[in-house]
């Protein structure tokens, strides 16, 4: 569950975003890289950077 693992509001938002986008935690790893930034990685080593905007409360993937 996203709530139990989150250590910050940004991390909670990232985990909820992953759930909504069907990124199953069994296959993807979330790593916080900064207060409002994270990277999700798959088992192949591919990754995607995410940014949390605290003003709009949105998670934005960075391409």
N, C-alpha and C. Protein backbone atom coordinates (compact mmCIF):
# COMPACT_ATOMS: atom_id res chain seq x y z
N UNK A 1 0.84 -1.18 0.00
CA UNK A 1 0.00 0.00 0.00
C UNK A 1 0.89 1.25 0.00
N UNK A 2 0.52 2.22 -0.78
CA UNK A 2 1.32 3.43 -0.96
C UNK A 2 1.49 4.22 0.33
N UNK A 3 0.49 4.25 1.16
CA UNK A 3 0.52 5.09 2.36
C UNK A 3 1.56 4.59 3.36
N UNK A 4 1.65 3.33 3.58
CA UNK A 4 2.55 2.78 4.59
C UNK A 4 4.02 2.96 4.24
N UNK A 5 4.36 2.94 2.96
CA UNK A 5 5.76 3.03 2.55
C UNK A 5 6.26 4.46 2.39
N UNK A 6 5.37 5.41 2.23
CA UNK A 6 5.77 6.79 1.94
C UNK A 6 6.34 7.48 3.17
N UNK A 7 7.44 8.20 2.95
CA UNK A 7 8.10 8.94 4.03
C UNK A 7 7.88 10.44 3.90
N UNK A 8 7.23 10.88 2.80
CA UNK A 8 6.94 12.29 2.58
C UNK A 8 5.69 12.40 1.71
N UNK A 9 5.15 13.59 1.65
CA UNK A 9 3.97 13.82 0.80
C UNK A 9 4.33 13.61 -0.66
N UNK A 10 5.51 14.07 -1.06
CA UNK A 10 5.94 13.88 -2.45
C UNK A 10 6.04 12.39 -2.79
N UNK A 11 6.63 11.61 -1.90
CA UNK A 11 6.76 10.18 -2.15
C UNK A 11 5.39 9.52 -2.21
N UNK A 12 4.49 9.94 -1.35
CA UNK A 12 3.12 9.43 -1.37
C UNK A 12 2.49 9.74 -2.73
N UNK A 13 2.65 10.97 -3.22
CA UNK A 13 2.09 11.37 -4.51
C UNK A 13 2.68 10.53 -5.65
N UNK A 14 3.99 10.26 -5.59
CA UNK A 14 4.62 9.42 -6.61
C UNK A 14 4.03 8.01 -6.60
N UNK A 15 3.88 7.44 -5.42
CA UNK A 15 3.34 6.07 -5.33
C UNK A 15 1.88 6.01 -5.79
N UNK A 16 1.09 7.02 -5.46
CA UNK A 16 -0.29 7.06 -5.93
C UNK A 16 -0.34 7.22 -7.45
N UNK A 17 0.55 8.04 -8.00
CA UNK A 17 0.64 8.22 -9.44
C UNK A 17 0.97 6.89 -10.12
N UNK A 18 1.93 6.16 -9.54
CA UNK A 18 2.30 4.86 -10.09
C UNK A 18 1.11 3.92 -10.10
N UNK A 19 0.31 3.91 -9.03
CA UNK A 19 -0.88 3.06 -8.98
C UNK A 19 -1.86 3.44 -10.08
N UNK A 20 -2.12 4.74 -10.24
CA UNK A 20 -3.08 5.20 -11.26
C UNK A 20 -2.60 4.87 -12.68
N UNK A 21 -1.29 4.91 -12.89
CA UNK A 21 -0.72 4.64 -14.22
C UNK A 21 -0.40 3.16 -14.42
N UNK A 22 -0.78 2.32 -13.47
CA UNK A 22 -0.59 0.86 -13.53
C UNK A 22 0.87 0.42 -13.53
N UNK A 23 1.71 1.17 -12.83
CA UNK A 23 3.09 0.74 -12.59
C UNK A 23 3.06 -0.12 -11.33
N UNK A 24 3.07 -1.42 -11.49
CA UNK A 24 2.99 -2.32 -10.34
C UNK A 24 4.32 -2.35 -9.59
N UNK A 25 4.23 -2.18 -8.28
CA UNK A 25 5.45 -2.10 -7.47
C UNK A 25 6.27 -3.38 -7.49
N UNK A 26 5.67 -4.49 -7.90
CA UNK A 26 6.43 -5.73 -8.00
C UNK A 26 7.43 -5.68 -9.16
N UNK A 27 7.18 -4.82 -10.13
CA UNK A 27 8.02 -4.75 -11.32
C UNK A 27 8.82 -3.45 -11.43
N UNK A 28 8.50 -2.46 -10.62
CA UNK A 28 9.16 -1.16 -10.70
C UNK A 28 9.64 -0.73 -9.32
N UNK A 29 10.79 -0.06 -9.31
CA UNK A 29 11.36 0.44 -8.07
C UNK A 29 11.30 1.97 -8.09
N UNK A 30 10.85 2.57 -6.99
CA UNK A 30 10.82 4.01 -6.85
C UNK A 30 11.98 4.44 -5.97
N UNK A 31 12.77 5.39 -6.46
CA UNK A 31 13.90 5.91 -5.69
C UNK A 31 13.78 7.43 -5.64
N UNK A 32 13.68 7.96 -4.42
CA UNK A 32 13.65 9.41 -4.24
C UNK A 32 15.05 9.95 -4.49
N UNK A 33 15.17 10.96 -5.35
CA UNK A 33 16.48 11.54 -5.66
C UNK A 33 16.65 12.93 -5.06
N UNK A 34 15.54 13.56 -4.70
CA UNK A 34 15.53 14.89 -4.10
C UNK A 34 14.20 15.03 -3.37
N UNK A 35 13.98 16.15 -2.73
CA UNK A 35 12.76 16.36 -1.97
C UNK A 35 11.50 16.20 -2.83
N UNK A 36 11.55 16.70 -4.06
CA UNK A 36 10.39 16.66 -4.95
C UNK A 36 10.67 15.94 -6.26
N UNK A 37 11.69 15.08 -6.28
CA UNK A 37 12.04 14.34 -7.48
C UNK A 37 12.28 12.87 -7.16
N UNK A 38 11.94 12.03 -8.14
CA UNK A 38 12.14 10.60 -7.98
C UNK A 38 12.41 9.98 -9.34
N UNK A 39 12.90 8.75 -9.32
CA UNK A 39 13.12 7.98 -10.53
C UNK A 39 12.45 6.63 -10.32
N UNK A 40 11.70 6.18 -11.34
CA UNK A 40 11.20 4.81 -11.30
C UNK A 40 12.01 4.00 -12.29
N UNK A 41 12.38 2.78 -11.89
CA UNK A 41 13.21 1.92 -12.71
C UNK A 41 12.55 0.56 -12.87
N UNK A 42 12.73 -0.02 -14.05
CA UNK A 42 12.24 -1.38 -14.26
C UNK A 42 13.40 -2.36 -14.13
N UNK A 43 13.10 -3.64 -14.29
CA UNK A 43 14.12 -4.67 -14.11
C UNK A 43 15.16 -4.68 -15.22
N UNK A 44 14.87 -4.00 -16.35
CA UNK A 44 15.83 -3.91 -17.46
C UNK A 44 16.80 -2.76 -17.30
N UNK A 45 16.57 -1.92 -16.29
CA UNK A 45 17.42 -0.77 -16.06
C UNK A 45 16.91 0.51 -16.71
N UNK A 46 15.77 0.43 -17.41
CA UNK A 46 15.17 1.63 -17.97
C UNK A 46 14.57 2.45 -16.85
N UNK A 47 14.58 3.78 -17.01
CA UNK A 47 14.10 4.64 -15.93
C UNK A 47 13.32 5.83 -16.47
N UNK A 48 12.56 6.44 -15.58
CA UNK A 48 11.79 7.63 -15.88
C UNK A 48 11.86 8.55 -14.67
N UNK A 49 12.15 9.82 -14.92
CA UNK A 49 12.23 10.80 -13.84
C UNK A 49 10.84 11.39 -13.61
N UNK A 50 10.50 11.57 -12.33
CA UNK A 50 9.23 12.18 -11.94
C UNK A 50 9.51 13.40 -11.07
N UNK A 51 8.67 14.41 -11.21
CA UNK A 51 8.78 15.62 -10.39
C UNK A 51 7.42 15.89 -9.77
N UNK A 52 7.42 16.23 -8.47
CA UNK A 52 6.20 16.58 -7.76
C UNK A 52 6.11 18.09 -7.64
N UNK A 53 5.01 18.66 -8.15
CA UNK A 53 4.77 20.10 -8.04
C UNK A 53 3.86 20.32 -6.84
N UNK A 54 4.43 20.85 -5.76
CA UNK A 54 3.67 21.00 -4.51
C UNK A 54 2.58 22.07 -4.61
N UNK A 55 2.71 23.02 -5.52
CA UNK A 55 1.68 24.05 -5.67
C UNK A 55 0.42 23.49 -6.31
N UNK A 56 0.60 22.68 -7.36
CA UNK A 56 -0.57 22.10 -8.04
C UNK A 56 -0.89 20.71 -7.53
N UNK A 57 0.03 20.13 -6.74
CA UNK A 57 -0.12 18.77 -6.21
C UNK A 57 -0.20 17.72 -7.31
N UNK A 58 0.58 17.93 -8.37
CA UNK A 58 0.61 17.01 -9.49
C UNK A 58 1.98 16.38 -9.63
N UNK A 59 1.98 15.15 -10.13
CA UNK A 59 3.21 14.46 -10.48
C UNK A 59 3.38 14.57 -11.98
N UNK A 60 4.57 14.98 -12.39
CA UNK A 60 4.84 15.17 -13.81
C UNK A 60 6.03 14.32 -14.23
N UNK A 61 5.84 13.45 -15.23
CA UNK A 61 6.99 12.73 -15.76
C UNK A 61 7.85 13.67 -16.58
N UNK A 62 9.16 13.52 -16.48
CA UNK A 62 10.09 14.34 -17.23
C UNK A 62 10.66 13.48 -18.35
N UNK A 63 10.42 13.90 -19.58
CA UNK A 63 10.87 13.11 -20.74
C UNK A 63 12.15 13.66 -21.29
